[in-house]
PDB file of all heavy atoms in Angstrom:
ATOM      1  N   VAL A   1       0.870  -1.184  -0.061  1.00  0.00           N
ATOM      2  CA  VAL A   1      -0.005  -0.100  -0.060  1.00  0.00           C
ATOM      3  C   VAL A   1       0.904   1.245   0.114  1.00  0.00           C
ATOM      4  O   VAL A   1       0.487   2.334  -0.599  1.00  0.00           O
ATOM      5  CB  VAL A   1      -0.996  -0.009   1.181  1.00  0.00           C
ATOM      6  CG1 VAL A   1      -0.370   0.337   2.523  1.00  0.00           C
ATOM      7  CG2 VAL A   1      -2.104   0.975   0.930  1.00  0.00           C
ATOM      8  N   ASN A   2       2.020   1.255   0.640  1.00  0.00           N
ATOM      9  CA  ASN A   2       2.842   2.345   0.655  1.00  0.00           C
ATOM     10  C   ASN A   2       3.486   2.629  -0.777  1.00  0.00           C
ATOM     11  O   ASN A   2       3.781   3.728  -1.055  1.00  0.00           O
ATOM     12  CB  ASN A   2       3.995   2.161   1.810  1.00  0.00           C
ATOM     13  CG  ASN A   2       3.542   2.582   3.205  1.00  0.00           C
ATOM     14  OD1 ASN A   2       3.688   3.753   3.547  1.00  0.00           O
ATOM     15  ND2 ASN A   2       2.877   1.624   3.856  1.00  0.00           N
ATOM     16  N   LEU A   3       3.877   1.481  -1.449  1.00  0.00           N
ATOM     17  CA  LEU A   3       4.352   1.674  -2.712  1.00  0.00           C
ATOM     18  C   LEU A   3       3.351   2.243  -3.726  1.00  0.00           C
ATOM     19  O   LEU A   3       3.794   3.104  -4.489  1.00  0.00           O
ATOM     20  CB  LEU A   3       4.763   0.271  -3.314  1.00  0.00           C
ATOM     21  CG  LEU A   3       5.164   0.277  -4.754  1.00  0.00           C
ATOM     22  CD1 LEU A   3       6.597   1.028  -4.848  1.00  0.00           C
ATOM     23  CD2 LEU A   3       5.643  -1.121  -5.192  1.00  0.00           C
ATOM     24  N   PHE A   4       2.055   1.924  -3.542  1.00  0.00           N
ATOM     25  CA  PHE A   4       1.041   2.612  -4.467  1.00  0.00           C
ATOM     26  C   PHE A   4       0.939   3.991  -4.129  1.00  0.00           C
ATOM     27  O   PHE A   4       0.889   4.832  -5.129  1.00  0.00           O
ATOM     28  CB  PHE A   4      -0.317   1.835  -3.994  1.00  0.00           C
ATOM     29  CG  PHE A   4      -1.425   2.584  -4.667  1.00  0.00           C
ATOM     30  CD1 PHE A   4      -1.857   2.394  -5.947  1.00  0.00           C
ATOM     31  CD2 PHE A   4      -2.183   3.374  -3.991  1.00  0.00           C
ATOM     32  CE1 PHE A   4      -2.785   2.988  -6.651  1.00  0.00           C
ATOM     33  CE2 PHE A   4      -3.348   4.177  -4.463  1.00  0.00           C
ATOM     34  CZ  PHE A   4      -3.648   3.973  -5.814  1.00  0.00           C
ATOM     35  N   TRP A   5       1.002   4.410  -2.922  1.00  0.00           N
ATOM     36  CA  TRP A   5       0.762   5.791  -2.585  1.00  0.00           C
ATOM     37  C   TRP A   5       2.075   6.601  -2.977  1.00  0.00           C
ATOM     38  O   TRP A   5       1.952   7.719  -3.322  1.00  0.00           O
ATOM     39  CB  TRP A   5       0.573   6.041  -0.981  1.00  0.00           C
ATOM     40  CG  TRP A   5      -0.765   5.532  -0.550  1.00  0.00           C
ATOM     41  CD1 TRP A   5      -1.034   4.616   0.275  1.00  0.00           C
ATOM     42  CD2 TRP A   5      -2.018   6.036  -1.236  1.00  0.00           C
ATOM     43  NE1 TRP A   5      -2.374   4.233   0.411  1.00  0.00           N
ATOM     44  CE2 TRP A   5      -2.958   5.215  -0.409  1.00  0.00           C
ATOM     45  CE3 TRP A   5      -2.455   6.872  -2.041  1.00  0.00           C
ATOM     46  CZ2 TRP A   5      -4.411   5.362  -0.659  1.00  0.00           C
ATOM     47  CZ3 TRP A   5      -3.777   7.014  -2.231  1.00  0.00           C
ATOM     48  CH2 TRP A   5      -4.734   6.387  -1.603  1.00  0.00           C
ATOM     49  N   PHE A   6       3.239   5.873  -3.064  1.00  0.00           N
ATOM     50  CA  PHE A   6       4.484   6.577  -3.556  1.00  0.00           C
ATOM     51  C   PHE A   6       4.213   7.074  -4.985  1.00  0.00           C
ATOM     52  O   PHE A   6       4.461   8.162  -5.481  1.00  0.00           O
ATOM     53  CB  PHE A   6       5.625   5.769  -3.429  1.00  0.00           C
ATOM     54  CG  PHE A   6       6.827   6.259  -4.173  1.00  0.00           C
ATOM     55  CD1 PHE A   6       7.546   7.403  -3.712  1.00  0.00           C
ATOM     56  CD2 PHE A   6       7.305   5.668  -5.416  1.00  0.00           C
ATOM     57  CE1 PHE A   6       8.610   7.883  -4.358  1.00  0.00           C
ATOM     58  CE2 PHE A   6       8.344   6.019  -5.981  1.00  0.00           C
ATOM     59  CZ  PHE A   6       9.063   7.235  -5.565  1.00  0.00           C
ATOM     60  N   VAL A   7       3.792   6.110  -5.813  1.00  0.00           N
ATOM     61  CA  VAL A   7       3.457   6.380  -7.310  1.00  0.00           C
ATOM     62  C   VAL A   7       2.456   7.431  -7.368  1.00  0.00           C
ATOM     63  O   VAL A   7       2.567   8.363  -8.268  1.00  0.00           O
ATOM     64  CB  VAL A   7       3.067   5.110  -7.997  1.00  0.00           C
ATOM     65  CG1 VAL A   7       2.637   5.391  -9.500  1.00  0.00           C
ATOM     66  CG2 VAL A   7       4.114   4.006  -7.992  1.00  0.00           C
ATOM     67  N   TRP A   8       1.411   7.267  -6.464  1.00  0.00           N
ATOM     68  CA  TRP A   8       0.294   8.322  -6.656  1.00  0.00           C
ATOM     69  C   TRP A   8       0.802   9.659  -6.280  1.00  0.00           C
ATOM     70  O   TRP A   8       0.607  10.711  -7.059  1.00  0.00           O
ATOM     71  CB  TRP A   8      -0.646   8.014  -5.504  1.00  0.00           C
ATOM     72  CG  TRP A   8      -1.791   9.022  -5.151  1.00  0.00           C
ATOM     73  CD1 TRP A   8      -1.695  10.055  -4.379  1.00  0.00           C
ATOM     74  CD2 TRP A   8      -3.125   9.061  -5.505  1.00  0.00           C
ATOM     75  NE1 TRP A   8      -2.848  10.682  -4.192  1.00  0.00           N
ATOM     76  CE2 TRP A   8      -3.815  10.222  -4.967  1.00  0.00           C
ATOM     77  CE3 TRP A   8      -3.944   8.342  -6.542  1.00  0.00           C
ATOM     78  CZ2 TRP A   8      -5.028  10.540  -5.221  1.00  0.00           C
ATOM     79  CZ3 TRP A   8      -5.208   8.562  -6.718  1.00  0.00           C
ATOM     80  CH2 TRP A   8      -5.840   9.736  -6.001  1.00  0.00           C
ATOM     81  N   GLY A   9       1.601   9.818  -5.213  1.00  0.00           N
ATOM     82  CA  GLY A   9       2.220  11.133  -4.959  1.00  0.00           C
ATOM     83  C   GLY A   9       3.037  11.659  -5.961  1.00  0.00           C
ATOM     84  O   GLY A   9       3.069  13.016  -6.225  1.00  0.00           O
ATOM     85  N   MET A  10       4.011  10.847  -6.496  1.00  0.00           N
ATOM     86  CA  MET A  10       4.879  11.433  -7.519  1.00  0.00           C
ATOM     87  C   MET A  10       4.224  12.066  -8.773  1.00  0.00           C
ATOM     88  O   MET A  10       4.653  13.123  -9.274  1.00  0.00           O
ATOM     89  CB  MET A  10       5.769  10.205  -7.989  1.00  0.00           C
ATOM     90  CG  MET A  10       7.007   9.819  -7.057  1.00  0.00           C
ATOM     91  SD  MET A  10       8.225  11.179  -7.000  1.00  0.00           S
ATOM     92  CE  MET A  10       8.923  11.159  -8.672  1.00  0.00           C
ATOM     93  N   VAL A  11       3.162  11.244  -9.221  1.00  0.00           N
ATOM     94  CA  VAL A  11       2.391  11.767 -10.355  1.00  0.00           C
ATOM     95  C   VAL A  11       1.724  13.142 -10.104  1.00  0.00           C
ATOM     96  O   VAL A  11       1.908  14.127 -10.869  1.00  0.00           O
ATOM     97  CB  VAL A  11       1.361  10.727 -10.700  1.00  0.00           C
ATOM     98  CG1 VAL A  11       0.433  11.306 -11.900  1.00  0.00           C
ATOM     99  CG2 VAL A  11       2.182   9.551 -11.361  1.00  0.00           C
ATOM    100  N   LEU A  12       1.163  13.306  -8.903  1.00  0.00           N
ATOM    101  CA  LEU A  12       0.351  14.532  -8.662  1.00  0.00           C
ATOM    102  C   LEU A  12       1.339  15.636  -8.420  1.00  0.00           C
ATOM    103  O   LEU A  12       1.111  16.806  -8.673  1.00  0.00           O
ATOM    104  CB  LEU A  12      -0.572  14.277  -7.434  1.00  0.00           C
ATOM    105  CG  LEU A  12      -1.715  13.246  -7.540  1.00  0.00           C
ATOM    106  CD1 LEU A  12      -2.643  13.353  -6.466  1.00  0.00           C
ATOM    107  CD2 LEU A  12      -2.454  13.674  -8.901  1.00  0.00           C
ATOM    108  N   LEU A  13       2.447  15.436  -7.606  1.00  0.00           N
ATOM    109  CA  LEU A  13       3.313  16.409  -7.454  1.00  0.00           C
ATOM    110  C   LEU A  13       3.959  17.055  -8.708  1.00  0.00           C
ATOM    111  O   LEU A  13       4.161  18.286  -8.728  1.00  0.00           O
ATOM    112  CB  LEU A  13       4.469  16.049  -6.336  1.00  0.00           C
ATOM    113  CG  LEU A  13       3.936  15.778  -4.947  1.00  0.00           C
ATOM    114  CD1 LEU A  13       5.013  15.141  -4.163  1.00  0.00           C
ATOM    115  CD2 LEU A  13       3.568  17.033  -4.300  1.00  0.00           C
ATOM    116  N   VAL A  14       4.413  16.165  -9.388  1.00  0.00           N
ATOM    117  CA  VAL A  14       5.050  16.734 -10.782  1.00  0.00           C
ATOM    118  C   VAL A  14       4.106  17.418 -11.555  1.00  0.00           C
ATOM    119  O   VAL A  14       4.293  18.440 -12.307  1.00  0.00           O
ATOM    120  CB  VAL A  14       5.660  15.460 -11.532  1.00  0.00           C
ATOM    121  CG1 VAL A  14       6.099  15.949 -12.989  1.00  0.00           C
ATOM    122  CG2 VAL A  14       6.883  15.001 -10.811  1.00  0.00           C
ATOM    123  N   ALA A  15       2.787  16.991 -11.649  1.00  0.00           N
ATOM    124  CA  ALA A  15       1.836  17.541 -12.510  1.00  0.00           C
ATOM    125  C   ALA A  15       0.883  18.566 -11.799  1.00  0.00           C
ATOM    126  O   ALA A  15      -0.247  19.148 -12.469  1.00  0.00           O
ATOM    127  CB  ALA A  15       0.863  16.323 -13.011  1.00  0.00           C
ATOM    128  N   GLN A  16       1.147  18.968 -10.652  1.00  0.00           N
ATOM    129  CA  GLN A  16       0.265  19.912  -9.858  1.00  0.00           C
ATOM    130  C   GLN A  16      -0.063  21.122 -10.528  1.00  0.00           C
ATOM    131  O   GLN A  16      -1.037  21.821 -10.354  1.00  0.00           O
ATOM    132  CB  GLN A  16       0.827  20.096  -8.387  1.00  0.00           C
ATOM    133  CG  GLN A  16       2.082  20.938  -8.386  1.00  0.00           C
ATOM    134  CD  GLN A  16       2.543  21.226  -6.919  1.00  0.00           C
ATOM    135  OE1 GLN A  16       1.839  20.856  -5.924  1.00  0.00           O
ATOM    136  NE2 GLN A  16       3.626  21.918  -6.750  1.00  0.00           N
ATOM    137  N   GLY A  17       0.902  21.655 -11.437  1.00  0.00           N
ATOM    138  CA  GLY A  17       0.826  22.956 -12.086  1.00  0.00           C
ATOM    139  C   GLY A  17      -0.469  23.049 -12.888  1.00  0.00           C
ATOM    140  O   GLY A  17      -0.893  24.126 -13.288  1.00  0.00           O
ATOM    141  N   VAL A  18      -0.819  21.832 -13.561  1.00  0.00           N
ATOM    142  CA  VAL A  18      -2.085  21.816 -14.471  1.00  0.00           C
ATOM    143  C   VAL A  18      -3.249  21.211 -13.843  1.00  0.00           C
ATOM    144  O   VAL A  18      -4.107  20.989 -14.558  1.00  0.00           O
ATOM    145  CB  VAL A  18      -1.591  20.899 -15.763  1.00  0.00           C
ATOM    146  CG1 VAL A  18      -0.402  21.697 -16.379  1.00  0.00           C
ATOM    147  CG2 VAL A  18      -1.135  19.561 -15.378  1.00  0.00           C
ATOM    148  N   LEU A  19      -3.122  20.867 -12.572  1.00  0.00           N
ATOM    149  CA  LEU A  19      -4.309  20.292 -11.905  1.00  0.00           C
ATOM    150  C   LEU A  19      -5.203  21.440 -11.247  1.00  0.00           C
ATOM    151  O   LEU A  19      -4.794  22.591 -11.161  1.00  0.00           O
ATOM    152  CB  LEU A  19      -3.906  19.297 -10.800  1.00  0.00           C
ATOM    153  CG  LEU A  19      -3.081  18.111 -11.306  1.00  0.00           C
ATOM    154  CD1 LEU A  19      -2.564  17.314 -10.142  1.00  0.00           C
ATOM    155  CD2 LEU A  19      -4.039  17.228 -12.268  1.00  0.00           C
ATOM    156  N   PRO A  20      -6.417  21.152 -10.990  1.00  0.00           N
ATOM    157  CA  PRO A  20      -7.414  22.133 -10.374  1.00  0.00           C
ATOM    158  C   PRO A  20      -6.939  22.575  -8.960  1.00  0.00           C
ATOM    159  O   PRO A  20      -5.885  22.102  -8.403  1.00  0.00           O
ATOM    160  CB  PRO A  20      -8.645  21.399 -10.346  1.00  0.00           C
ATOM    161  CG  PRO A  20      -8.332  20.024 -10.272  1.00  0.00           C
ATOM    162  CD  PRO A  20      -7.212  19.757 -11.054  1.00  0.00           C
ATOM    163  N   LEU A  21      -7.687  23.431  -8.481  1.00  0.00           N
ATOM    164  CA  LEU A  21      -7.472  24.098  -7.034  1.00  0.00           C
ATOM    165  C   LEU A  21      -5.961  24.629  -6.882  1.00  0.00           C
ATOM    166  O   LEU A  21      -5.248  24.310  -5.930  1.00  0.00           O
ATOM    167  CB  LEU A  21      -7.706  22.898  -5.960  1.00  0.00           C
ATOM    168  CG  LEU A  21      -9.048  22.444  -5.770  1.00  0.00           C
ATOM    169  CD1 LEU A  21      -9.105  21.379  -4.625  1.00  0.00           C
ATOM    170  CD2 LEU A  21      -9.982  23.532  -5.421  1.00  0.00           C
ATOM    171  N   ASN A  22      -5.746  25.459  -7.794  1.00  0.00           N
ATOM    172  CA  ASN A  22      -4.395  26.127  -7.876  1.00  0.00           C
ATOM    173  C   ASN A  22      -4.592  27.593  -8.173  1.00  0.00           C
ATOM    174  O   ASN A  22      -4.067  28.108  -9.178  1.00  0.00           O
ATOM    175  CB  ASN A  22      -3.486  25.467  -8.994  1.00  0.00           C
ATOM    176  CG  ASN A  22      -2.157  25.993  -8.942  1.00  0.00           C
ATOM    177  OD1 ASN A  22      -1.677  26.592  -8.001  1.00  0.00           O
ATOM    178  ND2 ASN A  22      -1.317  25.699  -9.919  1.00  0.00           N
ATOM    179  N   PRO A  23      -5.318  28.348  -7.357  1.00  0.00           N
ATOM    180  CA  PRO A  23      -5.645  29.771  -7.500  1.00  0.00           C
ATOM    181  C   PRO A  23      -4.384  30.674  -7.540  1.00  0.00           C
ATOM    182  O   PRO A  23      -4.371  31.765  -8.177  1.00  0.00           O
ATOM    183  CB  PRO A  23      -6.455  30.146  -6.328  1.00  0.00           C
ATOM    184  CG  PRO A  23      -6.105  29.131  -5.341  1.00  0.00           C
ATOM    185  CD  PRO A  23      -5.925  27.948  -6.053  1.00  0.00           C
ATOM    186  N   ASP A  24      -3.218  30.182  -6.892  1.00  0.00           N
ATOM    187  CA  ASP A  24      -2.011  31.063  -6.886  1.00  0.00           C
ATOM    188  C   ASP A  24      -1.086  30.785  -8.076  1.00  0.00           C
ATOM    189  O   ASP A  24      -0.024  31.324  -8.209  1.00  0.00           O
ATOM    190  CB  ASP A  24      -1.271  30.782  -5.571  1.00  0.00           C
ATOM    191  CG  ASP A  24      -2.088  31.240  -4.377  1.00  0.00           C
ATOM    192  OD1 ASP A  24      -2.911  32.152  -4.571  1.00  0.00           O
ATOM    193  OD2 ASP A  24      -2.023  30.631  -3.336  1.00  0.00           O
ATOM    194  N   GLY A  25      -1.430  29.794  -8.941  1.00  0.00           N
ATOM    195  CA  GLY A  25      -0.601  29.475 -10.105  1.00  0.00           C
ATOM    196  C   GLY A  25       0.745  28.810  -9.748  1.00  0.00           C
ATOM    197  O   GLY A  25       1.746  29.087 -10.507  1.00  0.00           O
ATOM    198  N   ASN A  26       0.840  27.995  -8.722  1.00  0.00           N
ATOM    199  CA  ASN A  26       2.080  27.354  -8.395  1.00  0.00           C
ATOM    200  C   ASN A  26       2.419  26.262  -9.398  1.00  0.00           C
ATOM    201  O   ASN A  26       1.540  25.656  -9.887  1.00  0.00           O
ATOM    202  CB  ASN A  26       1.952  26.747  -6.970  1.00  0.00           C
ATOM    203  CG  ASN A  26       1.925  27.694  -5.907  1.00  0.00           C
ATOM    204  OD1 ASN A  26       2.179  28.989  -6.006  1.00  0.00           O
ATOM    205  ND2 ASN A  26       1.406  27.325  -4.670  1.00  0.00           N
ATOM    206  N   ILE A  27       3.790  26.104  -9.816  1.00  0.00           N
ATOM    207  CA  ILE A  27       4.113  25.225 -10.676  1.00  0.00           C
ATOM    208  C   ILE A  27       4.425  23.768 -10.176  1.00  0.00           C
ATOM    209  O   ILE A  27       4.504  23.586  -8.898  1.00  0.00           O
ATOM    210  CB  ILE A  27       5.491  25.669 -11.459  1.00  0.00           C
ATOM    211  CG1 ILE A  27       6.621  25.743 -10.477  1.00  0.00           C
ATOM    212  CG2 ILE A  27       5.056  26.960 -12.116  1.00  0.00           C
ATOM    213  CD1 ILE A  27       7.912  26.119 -11.172  1.00  0.00           C
ATOM    214  N   GLY A  28       4.510  22.725 -11.015  1.00  0.00           N
ATOM    215  CA  GLY A  28       4.875  21.395 -10.632  1.00  0.00           C
ATOM    216  C   GLY A  28       6.259  21.335  -9.971  1.00  0.00           C
ATOM    217  O   GLY A  28       7.117  22.113 -10.318  1.00  0.00           O
ATOM    218  N   GLN A  29       6.546  20.356  -9.118  1.00  0.00           N
ATOM    219  CA  GLN A  29       7.809  20.134  -8.627  1.00  0.00           C
ATOM    220  C   GLN A  29       8.819  19.363  -9.602  1.00  0.00           C
ATOM    221  O   GLN A  29       8.223  18.717 -10.484  1.00  0.00           O
ATOM    222  CB  GLN A  29       7.726  19.364  -7.222  1.00  0.00           C
ATOM    223  CG  GLN A  29       7.094  20.059  -6.163  1.00  0.00           C
ATOM    224  CD  GLN A  29       7.218  19.340  -4.742  1.00  0.00           C
ATOM    225  OE1 GLN A  29       7.591  18.265  -4.746  1.00  0.00           O
ATOM    226  NE2 GLN A  29       6.801  20.122  -3.782  1.00  0.00           N
ATOM    227  N   THR A  30      10.123  19.607  -9.474  1.00  0.00           N
ATOM    228  CA  THR A  30      11.018  18.819 -10.221  1.00  0.00           C
ATOM    229  C   THR A  30      11.018  17.350  -9.758  1.00  0.00           C
ATOM    230  O   THR A  30      10.463  17.038  -8.678  1.00  0.00           O
ATOM    231  CB  THR A  30      12.496  19.404 -10.033  1.00  0.00           C
ATOM    232  OG1 THR A  30      12.744  19.138  -8.636  1.00  0.00           O
ATOM    233  CG2 THR A  30      12.590  20.897 -10.451  1.00  0.00           C
ATOM    234  N   CYS A  31      11.558  16.446 -10.627  1.00  0.00           N
ATOM    235  CA  CYS A  31      11.527  15.081 -10.246  1.00  0.00           C
ATOM    236  C   CYS A  31      12.238  14.719  -8.935  1.00  0.00           C
ATOM    237  O   CYS A  31      11.684  13.932  -8.112  1.00  0.00           O
ATOM    238  CB  CYS A  31      12.104  14.228 -11.403  1.00  0.00           C
ATOM    239  SG  CYS A  31      10.999  14.223 -12.786  1.00  0.00           S
TER     240      CYS A  31
END
């Protein structure tokens, strides 16, 4: 279950700049 959440988190953190709930326009994190 921890391995699954690691993959989940990596994808969302790198792509956060194009995901919703971003009123301040913050960009995605580097790898």
